[in-house]
N, C-alpha and C. Protein backbone atom coordinates (compact mmCIF):
# COMPACT_ATOMS: atom_id res chain seq x y z
N MET A 1 88.32 75.58 100.77
CA MET A 1 89.46 76.42 101.11
C MET A 1 90.14 75.92 102.39
N ASN A 2 89.35 75.46 103.36
CA ASN A 2 89.93 74.97 104.61
C ASN A 2 90.73 73.69 104.42
N TRP A 3 90.27 72.82 103.49
CA TRP A 3 91.04 71.61 103.22
C TRP A 3 92.36 71.96 102.54
N LEU A 4 92.37 73.01 101.75
CA LEU A 4 93.62 73.46 101.13
C LEU A 4 94.62 73.87 102.22
N LYS A 5 94.14 74.51 103.28
CA LYS A 5 95.01 74.87 104.40
C LYS A 5 95.62 73.63 105.03
N VAL A 6 94.83 72.57 105.16
CA VAL A 6 95.33 71.33 105.74
C VAL A 6 96.43 70.74 104.86
N PHE A 7 96.20 70.72 103.55
CA PHE A 7 97.19 70.14 102.64
C PHE A 7 98.48 70.97 102.61
N ILE A 8 98.36 72.28 102.65
CA ILE A 8 99.56 73.15 102.69
C ILE A 8 100.28 72.96 104.02
N ALA A 9 99.52 72.83 105.10
CA ALA A 9 100.12 72.58 106.42
C ALA A 9 100.90 71.27 106.40
N ALA A 10 100.35 70.24 105.79
CA ALA A 10 101.03 68.95 105.69
C ALA A 10 102.30 69.07 104.84
N PHE A 11 102.24 69.88 103.80
CA PHE A 11 103.41 70.12 102.95
C PHE A 11 104.54 70.72 103.78
N PHE A 12 104.22 71.72 104.61
CA PHE A 12 105.24 72.33 105.46
C PHE A 12 105.68 71.38 106.57
N GLU A 13 104.79 70.47 106.98
CA GLU A 13 105.17 69.48 107.99
C GLU A 13 106.33 68.63 107.50
N VAL A 14 106.31 68.28 106.23
CA VAL A 14 107.40 67.48 105.66
C VAL A 14 108.73 68.21 105.84
N PHE A 15 108.74 69.51 105.60
CA PHE A 15 109.98 70.28 105.73
C PHE A 15 110.48 70.34 107.17
N TRP A 16 109.56 70.56 108.12
CA TRP A 16 110.06 70.66 109.49
C TRP A 16 110.46 69.32 110.06
N VAL A 17 109.79 68.24 109.66
CA VAL A 17 110.19 66.92 110.14
C VAL A 17 111.58 66.57 109.60
N ILE A 18 111.80 66.82 108.33
CA ILE A 18 113.12 66.59 107.75
C ILE A 18 114.14 67.51 108.40
N GLY A 19 113.74 68.75 108.65
CA GLY A 19 114.63 69.71 109.30
C GLY A 19 115.05 69.26 110.69
N LEU A 20 114.15 68.62 111.44
CA LEU A 20 114.52 68.15 112.77
C LEU A 20 115.65 67.13 112.70
N LYS A 21 115.71 66.37 111.63
CA LYS A 21 116.76 65.36 111.49
C LYS A 21 118.03 65.93 110.85
N HIS A 22 117.87 66.83 109.88
CA HIS A 22 119.00 67.23 109.06
C HIS A 22 119.49 68.66 109.29
N ALA A 23 118.83 69.46 110.12
CA ALA A 23 119.30 70.83 110.36
C ALA A 23 120.63 70.80 111.10
N TYR A 24 121.52 71.69 110.71
CA TYR A 24 122.87 71.66 111.28
C TYR A 24 123.44 73.05 111.60
N ASP A 25 122.80 74.13 111.16
CA ASP A 25 123.32 75.46 111.46
C ASP A 25 122.16 76.43 111.69
N PHE A 26 122.47 77.68 111.91
CA PHE A 26 121.46 78.69 112.21
C PHE A 26 120.38 78.76 111.13
N TRP A 27 120.76 78.77 109.87
CA TRP A 27 119.80 78.95 108.77
C TRP A 27 118.89 77.75 108.59
N THR A 28 119.45 76.54 108.70
CA THR A 28 118.59 75.36 108.54
C THR A 28 117.64 75.22 109.74
N TRP A 29 118.10 75.59 110.95
CA TRP A 29 117.21 75.57 112.10
C TRP A 29 116.15 76.67 112.00
N THR A 30 116.53 77.83 111.46
CA THR A 30 115.56 78.91 111.26
C THR A 30 114.48 78.47 110.28
N GLY A 31 114.87 77.84 109.19
CA GLY A 31 113.89 77.32 108.21
C GLY A 31 112.98 76.29 108.82
N THR A 32 113.53 75.43 109.66
CA THR A 32 112.74 74.40 110.33
C THR A 32 111.70 75.05 111.24
N ILE A 33 112.10 76.05 112.00
CA ILE A 33 111.18 76.73 112.92
C ILE A 33 110.09 77.48 112.15
N ILE A 34 110.45 78.11 111.06
CA ILE A 34 109.46 78.81 110.23
C ILE A 34 108.45 77.81 109.67
N ALA A 35 108.94 76.65 109.22
CA ALA A 35 108.04 75.62 108.69
C ALA A 35 107.09 75.12 109.77
N ILE A 36 107.59 74.97 111.00
CA ILE A 36 106.72 74.55 112.12
C ILE A 36 105.62 75.58 112.35
N ILE A 37 105.99 76.84 112.37
CA ILE A 37 105.02 77.91 112.63
C ILE A 37 103.94 77.95 111.54
N ILE A 38 104.37 77.91 110.28
CA ILE A 38 103.40 77.94 109.17
C ILE A 38 102.50 76.72 109.22
N SER A 39 103.10 75.56 109.42
CA SER A 39 102.35 74.30 109.42
C SER A 39 101.27 74.29 110.50
N PHE A 40 101.66 74.61 111.73
CA PHE A 40 100.69 74.57 112.82
C PHE A 40 99.67 75.70 112.73
N TYR A 41 100.06 76.85 112.25
CA TYR A 41 99.11 77.95 112.08
C TYR A 41 97.99 77.54 111.11
N LEU A 42 98.38 76.99 109.96
CA LEU A 42 97.38 76.59 108.97
C LEU A 42 96.50 75.46 109.49
N MET A 43 97.10 74.51 110.21
CA MET A 43 96.31 73.41 110.75
C MET A 43 95.31 73.93 111.79
N ILE A 44 95.74 74.84 112.64
CA ILE A 44 94.85 75.40 113.66
C ILE A 44 93.72 76.18 113.01
N MET A 45 94.02 76.98 111.99
CA MET A 45 92.99 77.75 111.30
C MET A 45 91.97 76.82 110.63
N ALA A 46 92.44 75.75 110.01
CA ALA A 46 91.52 74.80 109.39
C ALA A 46 90.68 74.09 110.45
N GLY A 47 91.28 73.80 111.60
CA GLY A 47 90.57 73.12 112.69
C GLY A 47 89.45 73.95 113.29
N LYS A 48 89.47 75.25 113.08
CA LYS A 48 88.39 76.11 113.57
C LYS A 48 87.11 75.94 112.74
N LYS A 49 87.27 75.47 111.49
CA LYS A 49 86.12 75.35 110.60
C LYS A 49 85.76 73.90 110.29
N LEU A 50 86.70 72.98 110.47
CA LEU A 50 86.49 71.57 110.14
C LEU A 50 86.63 70.73 111.40
N PRO A 51 86.16 69.48 111.37
CA PRO A 51 86.32 68.61 112.54
C PRO A 51 87.80 68.40 112.87
N VAL A 52 88.16 68.69 114.10
CA VAL A 52 89.57 68.70 114.50
C VAL A 52 90.20 67.31 114.35
N GLY A 53 89.48 66.27 114.71
CA GLY A 53 90.03 64.91 114.60
C GLY A 53 90.38 64.55 113.17
N THR A 54 89.52 64.89 112.25
CA THR A 54 89.78 64.60 110.85
C THR A 54 90.91 65.47 110.32
N VAL A 55 90.92 66.75 110.69
CA VAL A 55 91.99 67.65 110.26
C VAL A 55 93.34 67.11 110.73
N TYR A 56 93.42 66.72 111.98
CA TYR A 56 94.68 66.23 112.52
C TYR A 56 95.11 64.93 111.84
N ALA A 57 94.16 64.02 111.62
CA ALA A 57 94.49 62.75 110.97
C ALA A 57 94.99 62.98 109.55
N VAL A 58 94.34 63.85 108.80
CA VAL A 58 94.77 64.16 107.43
C VAL A 58 96.13 64.84 107.45
N PHE A 59 96.31 65.79 108.36
CA PHE A 59 97.58 66.51 108.50
C PHE A 59 98.73 65.54 108.77
N VAL A 60 98.58 64.69 109.76
CA VAL A 60 99.64 63.76 110.12
C VAL A 60 99.84 62.70 109.04
N GLY A 61 98.75 62.19 108.48
CA GLY A 61 98.86 61.18 107.44
C GLY A 61 99.57 61.69 106.20
N MET A 62 99.15 62.85 105.73
CA MET A 62 99.80 63.42 104.54
C MET A 62 101.25 63.79 104.83
N GLY A 63 101.51 64.30 106.02
CA GLY A 63 102.88 64.63 106.40
C GLY A 63 103.76 63.38 106.45
N THR A 64 103.21 62.30 106.97
CA THR A 64 103.95 61.04 107.05
C THR A 64 104.28 60.51 105.67
N VAL A 65 103.30 60.50 104.80
CA VAL A 65 103.52 60.04 103.42
C VAL A 65 104.59 60.91 102.75
N GLY A 66 104.46 62.22 102.88
CA GLY A 66 105.43 63.13 102.28
C GLY A 66 106.83 62.95 102.82
N THR A 67 106.92 62.74 104.13
CA THR A 67 108.23 62.56 104.75
C THR A 67 108.88 61.26 104.30
N VAL A 68 108.12 60.18 104.27
CA VAL A 68 108.67 58.89 103.82
C VAL A 68 109.14 58.99 102.37
N LEU A 69 108.32 59.57 101.51
CA LEU A 69 108.71 59.70 100.10
C LEU A 69 109.92 60.62 99.93
N SER A 70 109.97 61.70 100.71
CA SER A 70 111.12 62.61 100.64
C SER A 70 112.41 61.93 101.08
N GLU A 71 112.33 61.14 102.13
CA GLU A 71 113.50 60.41 102.60
C GLU A 71 114.00 59.44 101.52
N ILE A 72 113.07 58.80 100.82
CA ILE A 72 113.45 57.87 99.76
C ILE A 72 114.05 58.62 98.57
N ILE A 73 113.42 59.71 98.16
CA ILE A 73 113.85 60.44 96.96
C ILE A 73 115.12 61.25 97.19
N PHE A 74 115.19 61.97 98.30
CA PHE A 74 116.28 62.93 98.51
C PHE A 74 117.41 62.43 99.41
N PHE A 75 117.14 61.42 100.24
CA PHE A 75 118.15 60.99 101.20
C PHE A 75 118.50 59.51 101.08
N SER A 76 118.17 58.91 99.95
CA SER A 76 118.57 57.53 99.62
C SER A 76 118.14 56.49 100.65
N GLU A 77 117.01 56.71 101.27
CA GLU A 77 116.44 55.71 102.17
C GLU A 77 116.05 54.50 101.32
N PRO A 78 116.38 53.29 101.76
CA PRO A 78 116.03 52.12 100.95
C PRO A 78 114.51 51.93 100.85
N ILE A 79 114.08 51.49 99.69
CA ILE A 79 112.66 51.23 99.46
C ILE A 79 112.36 49.81 99.92
N LYS A 80 111.41 49.71 100.84
CA LYS A 80 110.97 48.40 101.32
C LYS A 80 109.51 48.24 100.94
N ILE A 81 109.17 47.10 100.39
CA ILE A 81 107.79 46.84 99.97
C ILE A 81 106.85 46.94 101.18
N SER A 82 107.25 46.41 102.31
CA SER A 82 106.39 46.47 103.50
C SER A 82 106.11 47.92 103.90
N LYS A 83 107.13 48.77 103.85
CA LYS A 83 106.94 50.18 104.20
C LYS A 83 106.01 50.86 103.20
N MET A 84 106.19 50.58 101.92
CA MET A 84 105.35 51.21 100.90
C MET A 84 103.89 50.75 101.04
N LEU A 85 103.68 49.48 101.36
CA LEU A 85 102.31 48.99 101.56
C LEU A 85 101.65 49.66 102.77
N LEU A 86 102.41 49.83 103.83
CA LEU A 86 101.86 50.50 105.02
C LEU A 86 101.59 51.98 104.76
N VAL A 87 102.45 52.63 104.02
CA VAL A 87 102.20 54.04 103.65
C VAL A 87 100.95 54.13 102.78
N PHE A 88 100.79 53.19 101.85
CA PHE A 88 99.59 53.16 101.01
C PHE A 88 98.34 52.96 101.86
N LEU A 89 98.42 52.06 102.83
CA LEU A 89 97.28 51.82 103.73
C LEU A 89 96.95 53.08 104.52
N LEU A 90 97.97 53.77 105.02
CA LEU A 90 97.78 55.03 105.74
C LEU A 90 97.10 56.06 104.84
N LEU A 91 97.58 56.17 103.62
CA LEU A 91 97.01 57.13 102.67
C LEU A 91 95.54 56.80 102.37
N CYS A 92 95.22 55.52 102.26
CA CYS A 92 93.82 55.12 102.05
C CYS A 92 92.95 55.55 103.23
N GLY A 93 93.47 55.39 104.45
CA GLY A 93 92.72 55.81 105.63
C GLY A 93 92.50 57.30 105.66
N VAL A 94 93.51 58.07 105.30
CA VAL A 94 93.39 59.53 105.28
C VAL A 94 92.37 59.97 104.24
N ILE A 95 92.45 59.39 103.05
CA ILE A 95 91.49 59.73 102.00
C ILE A 95 90.08 59.34 102.44
N GLY A 96 89.94 58.18 103.08
CA GLY A 96 88.64 57.74 103.57
C GLY A 96 88.06 58.70 104.59
N LEU A 97 88.89 59.16 105.53
CA LEU A 97 88.40 60.14 106.51
C LEU A 97 87.95 61.42 105.84
N LYS A 98 88.70 61.87 104.87
CA LYS A 98 88.32 63.10 104.15
C LYS A 98 86.99 62.90 103.43
N LEU A 99 86.82 61.74 102.82
CA LEU A 99 85.59 61.49 102.07
C LEU A 99 84.35 61.36 102.95
N VAL A 100 84.50 60.84 104.16
CA VAL A 100 83.32 60.66 105.02
C VAL A 100 83.02 61.89 105.86
N THR A 101 83.89 62.90 105.82
CA THR A 101 83.61 64.13 106.55
C THR A 101 82.63 64.95 105.73
N ASN A 102 81.48 65.19 106.30
CA ASN A 102 80.40 65.88 105.60
C ASN A 102 80.53 67.39 105.80
N GLU A 103 80.75 68.13 104.71
CA GLU A 103 80.90 69.59 104.78
C GLU A 103 79.63 70.25 105.33
N LYS A 104 78.46 69.76 104.94
CA LYS A 104 77.21 70.36 105.41
C LYS A 104 77.07 70.19 106.92
N GLU A 105 77.47 69.03 107.42
CA GLU A 105 77.41 68.78 108.85
C GLU A 105 78.36 69.72 109.60
N THR A 106 79.53 69.94 109.04
CA THR A 106 80.51 70.84 109.65
C THR A 106 79.97 72.25 109.70
N ASN A 107 79.38 72.72 108.60
CA ASN A 107 78.83 74.07 108.57
C ASN A 107 77.65 74.22 109.54
N ARG A 108 76.86 73.17 109.71
CA ARG A 108 75.75 73.21 110.64
C ARG A 108 76.24 73.36 112.07
N GLU A 109 77.34 72.67 112.40
CA GLU A 109 77.90 72.76 113.75
C GLU A 109 78.44 74.18 114.00
N GLU A 110 78.96 74.82 112.97
CA GLU A 110 79.46 76.19 113.11
C GLU A 110 78.35 77.15 113.46
N ASN A 111 77.22 76.98 112.81
CA ASN A 111 76.12 77.92 112.97
C ASN A 111 75.33 77.68 114.26
N ALA A 112 75.55 76.56 114.91
CA ALA A 112 74.79 76.23 116.14
C ALA A 112 75.28 77.03 117.32
């Protein structure tokens, strides 16, 4: 459940990062601020139960991948092979961190 919070937080991160670039009036800035609040709230809640370093790395990595893909899909950003390879490498690192984070170890630290 806590990892789901991280993934939802990263989803909202994409919206606020795009909002920082493309917001232009009261409503788009309001949406951007709401996305920031939701994103950081979920990340902070997940960080209380999971290793903070891993949570932050997954949050930023997934947000970066989502933002790059959104810029390509919705804002006609040119696709560069070098950029896509680096995003893929980042995604591999994020998945690797998630896989090596031991849930039992995290729960043990909570109970200590």
